[in-house]
Amino acid sequence: MKDKLKKEGTQMKSIVVYSSQTGNTQKLAKAIFKKLEGEKQIYKIEHAPDPSEFDLVCLGFWLMAGKPDSTSQEYLKKVKNQKLFLFATHGASAASQHAQSAMEFAKSLAPAANVIGTFNCPGQVSPNILEKARSKPVPPAWLADAPDAVGHPNEEDLKQLIDKLAQSLS
């Protein structure tokens, strides 16, 4: 991946930004940060600088009502002409329509960005969120997948994430 992170003879400047409530998305962010080479920074989204000074923006989020959380939505709107790698965790199956629609929505918030790749995987849902979801008159569709998200992201998820990142940068 080393050669792929070069930009016209210099190291690419990368930033990893993440929003995480339960630590799931943070776990993915730290794995990405560890794998990236060259000049790099990592921030919780609340403390992230403007992305305009970076060549590569890796943005991670959790899902709320089938979309990226609102703070991530606002940050995505600031990503203009950079390479963008999106990653997300959620209670649904990775192949679910819920997860796929959320990623498409995230891409639409940064229309000028060069989206080089995406990755999503289940993340264990907190008991409080599960309780709220179960109490709704019409439970959300992802609730049926939530038991399978227990223990995720796991080592296999992290391996798949790093493989996807490497592919996206090649």
Protein backbone atom coordinates (compact mmCIF):
# COMPACT_ATOMS: atom_id res chain seq x y z
CA MET A 1 0.00 0.00 0.00
CA LYS A 2 3.03 2.27 0.50
CA ASP A 3 3.31 3.23 -3.17
CA LYS A 4 -0.40 3.91 -3.43
CA LEU A 5 -0.26 6.60 -0.75
CA LYS A 6 2.12 8.81 -2.71
CA LYS A 7 0.96 11.95 -4.44
CA GLU A 8 3.25 13.36 -7.12
CA GLY A 9 6.40 12.21 -5.34
CA THR A 10 5.27 13.16 -1.83
CA GLN A 11 3.39 11.25 0.82
CA MET A 12 -0.35 11.64 0.75
CA LYS A 13 -1.78 13.54 3.71
CA SER A 14 -4.55 11.45 5.27
CA ILE A 15 -7.16 11.98 7.97
CA VAL A 16 -9.35 9.42 9.71
CA VAL A 17 -12.49 10.93 11.22
CA TYR A 18 -15.09 8.90 13.07
CA SER A 19 -18.32 9.18 14.99
CA SER A 20 -18.89 6.38 17.51
CA GLN A 21 -21.39 5.87 20.31
CA THR A 22 -20.46 2.39 21.48
CA GLY A 23 -16.87 2.02 20.27
CA ASN A 24 -17.68 -0.06 17.17
CA THR A 25 -16.86 2.60 14.59
CA GLN A 26 -13.88 3.76 16.66
CA LYS A 27 -12.46 0.23 16.44
CA LEU A 28 -12.61 0.40 12.62
CA ALA A 29 -11.11 3.90 12.61
CA LYS A 30 -8.13 2.81 14.69
CA ALA A 31 -7.50 -0.16 12.37
CA ILE A 32 -7.52 2.14 9.33
CA PHE A 33 -5.23 4.65 11.03
CA LYS A 34 -2.76 1.91 11.98
CA LYS A 35 -2.64 0.66 8.37
CA LEU A 36 -2.25 4.04 6.65
CA GLU A 37 1.29 5.19 5.99
CA GLY A 38 2.74 8.64 5.57
CA GLU A 39 1.41 11.80 7.15
CA LYS A 40 -1.80 10.92 8.96
CA GLN A 41 -4.12 12.13 11.70
CA ILE A 42 -7.11 10.64 13.52
CA TYR A 43 -9.95 12.52 15.21
CA LYS A 44 -13.30 11.96 16.83
CA ILE A 45 -15.63 13.89 14.57
CA GLU A 46 -16.35 16.53 17.23
CA HIS A 47 -12.67 17.59 17.15
CA ALA A 48 -11.87 17.04 13.47
CA PRO A 49 -10.35 19.86 11.44
CA ASP A 50 -11.70 20.96 8.09
CA PRO A 51 -10.97 18.19 5.58
CA SER A 52 -9.80 20.57 2.83
CA GLU A 53 -6.13 20.29 3.81
CA PHE A 54 -6.07 16.49 3.32
CA ASP A 55 -5.68 14.34 0.21
CA LEU A 56 -7.49 11.32 1.67
CA VAL A 57 -10.44 11.48 4.07
CA CYS A 58 -11.55 8.26 5.76
CA LEU A 59 -14.88 8.90 7.45
CA GLY A 60 -16.64 6.45 9.74
CA PHE A 61 -20.15 6.71 11.13
CA TRP A 62 -22.96 4.84 12.81
CA LEU A 63 -26.50 4.70 11.49
CA MET A 64 -29.45 6.57 12.89
CA ALA A 65 -32.84 6.07 11.25
CA GLY A 66 -31.18 4.47 8.23
CA LYS A 67 -28.71 7.30 7.59
CA PRO A 68 -25.32 8.41 8.86
CA ASP A 69 -25.57 10.17 12.21
CA SER A 70 -26.22 13.92 11.87
CA THR A 71 -22.69 15.03 12.83
CA SER A 72 -21.21 12.80 10.13
CA GLN A 73 -23.72 14.14 7.61
CA GLU A 74 -22.52 17.69 8.29
CA TYR A 75 -18.86 16.71 8.02
CA LEU A 76 -19.45 14.87 4.73
CA LYS A 77 -20.77 18.07 3.19
CA LYS A 78 -17.32 19.63 3.74
CA VAL A 79 -15.48 16.96 1.71
CA LYS A 80 -14.98 18.39 -1.77
CA ASN A 81 -12.24 17.20 -4.13
CA GLN A 82 -10.45 14.71 -1.92
CA LYS A 83 -10.34 10.95 -2.08
CA LEU A 84 -13.00 9.64 0.30
CA PHE A 85 -13.20 6.22 1.96
CA LEU A 86 -16.43 5.64 3.90
CA PHE A 87 -16.92 3.07 6.65
CA ALA A 88 -19.84 2.34 8.94
CA THR A 89 -21.15 0.07 11.67
CA HIS A 90 -24.78 -0.75 12.37
CA GLY A 91 -27.10 -3.35 13.84
CA ALA A 92 -28.19 -4.67 10.44
CA SER A 93 -26.61 -7.26 8.18
CA ALA A 94 -23.81 -5.80 6.03
CA ALA A 95 -25.66 -6.85 2.87
CA SER A 96 -29.03 -5.46 4.00
CA GLN A 97 -30.92 -2.80 2.07
CA HIS A 98 -30.77 -0.71 5.26
CA ALA A 99 -26.95 -0.66 5.23
CA GLN A 100 -26.64 -0.21 1.46
CA SER A 101 -29.11 2.68 1.36
CA ALA A 102 -27.31 4.44 4.20
CA MET A 103 -23.99 4.22 2.35
CA GLU A 104 -25.54 5.56 -0.85
CA PHE A 105 -27.02 8.45 1.12
CA ALA A 106 -23.60 9.16 2.66
CA LYS A 107 -22.02 9.30 -0.82
CA SER A 108 -24.69 11.74 -1.98
CA LEU A 109 -23.66 14.20 0.72
CA ALA A 110 -20.19 14.60 -0.82
CA PRO A 111 -20.92 14.79 -4.57
CA ALA A 112 -17.59 16.45 -5.45
CA ALA A 113 -15.51 13.88 -3.56
CA ASN A 114 -13.75 10.99 -5.27
CA VAL A 115 -15.28 8.07 -3.35
CA ILE A 116 -12.61 5.40 -3.66
CA GLY A 117 -14.31 2.78 -1.51
CA THR A 118 -16.78 1.88 1.18
CA PHE A 119 -16.99 -0.68 3.95
CA ASN A 120 -19.73 -1.54 6.40
CA CYS A 121 -20.17 -4.25 8.97
CA PRO A 122 -22.44 -5.10 11.85
CA GLY A 123 -21.67 -3.60 15.22
CA GLN A 124 -23.02 -4.80 18.52
CA VAL A 125 -25.98 -2.65 19.48
CA SER A 126 -26.18 -1.27 23.01
CA PRO A 127 -28.95 -2.68 25.24
CA ASN A 128 -30.50 0.80 25.63
CA ILE A 129 -30.86 1.22 21.86
CA LEU A 130 -32.27 -2.31 21.51
CA GLU A 131 -34.83 -1.57 24.21
CA LYS A 132 -35.93 1.66 22.51
CA ALA A 133 -36.17 -0.08 19.13
CA ARG A 134 -38.26 -2.92 20.53
CA SER A 135 -40.68 -0.48 22.17
CA LYS A 136 -41.57 1.29 18.92
CA PRO A 137 -45.04 0.59 17.49
CA VAL A 138 -43.33 -0.59 14.29
CA PRO A 139 -39.90 -2.01 15.13
CA PRO A 140 -37.12 -1.05 12.68
CA ALA A 141 -36.18 -3.63 10.06
CA TRP A 142 -32.60 -3.94 11.35
CA LEU A 143 -33.83 -5.24 14.71
CA ALA A 144 -34.14 -8.77 13.29
CA ASP A 145 -30.41 -8.72 12.43
CA ALA A 146 -29.27 -7.28 15.78
CA PRO A 147 -28.61 -10.66 17.49
CA ASP A 148 -26.13 -11.52 14.73
CA ALA A 149 -24.25 -8.25 15.39
CA VAL A 150 -23.19 -9.38 18.88
CA GLY A 151 -19.41 -9.54 19.04
CA HIS A 152 -18.88 -7.35 15.97
CA PRO A 153 -16.79 -5.81 14.68
CA ASN A 154 -14.50 -8.79 15.15
CA GLU A 155 -11.07 -9.73 13.80
CA GLU A 156 -12.53 -10.99 10.51
CA ASP A 157 -14.39 -7.68 10.04
CA LEU A 158 -11.12 -5.79 10.64
CA LYS A 159 -9.29 -7.98 8.12
CA GLN A 160 -12.00 -7.35 5.52
CA LEU A 161 -11.85 -3.62 6.24
CA ILE A 162 -8.08 -3.45 5.71
CA ASP A 163 -8.35 -5.55 2.53
CA LYS A 164 -11.04 -3.20 1.19
CA LEU A 165 -8.95 -0.14 2.06
CA ALA A 166 -5.90 -1.60 0.30
CA GLN A 167 -8.01 -2.39 -2.80
CA SER A 168 -9.45 1.12 -2.77
CA LEU A 169 -6.00 2.71 -2.65
CA SER A 170 -4.54 0.57 -5.46
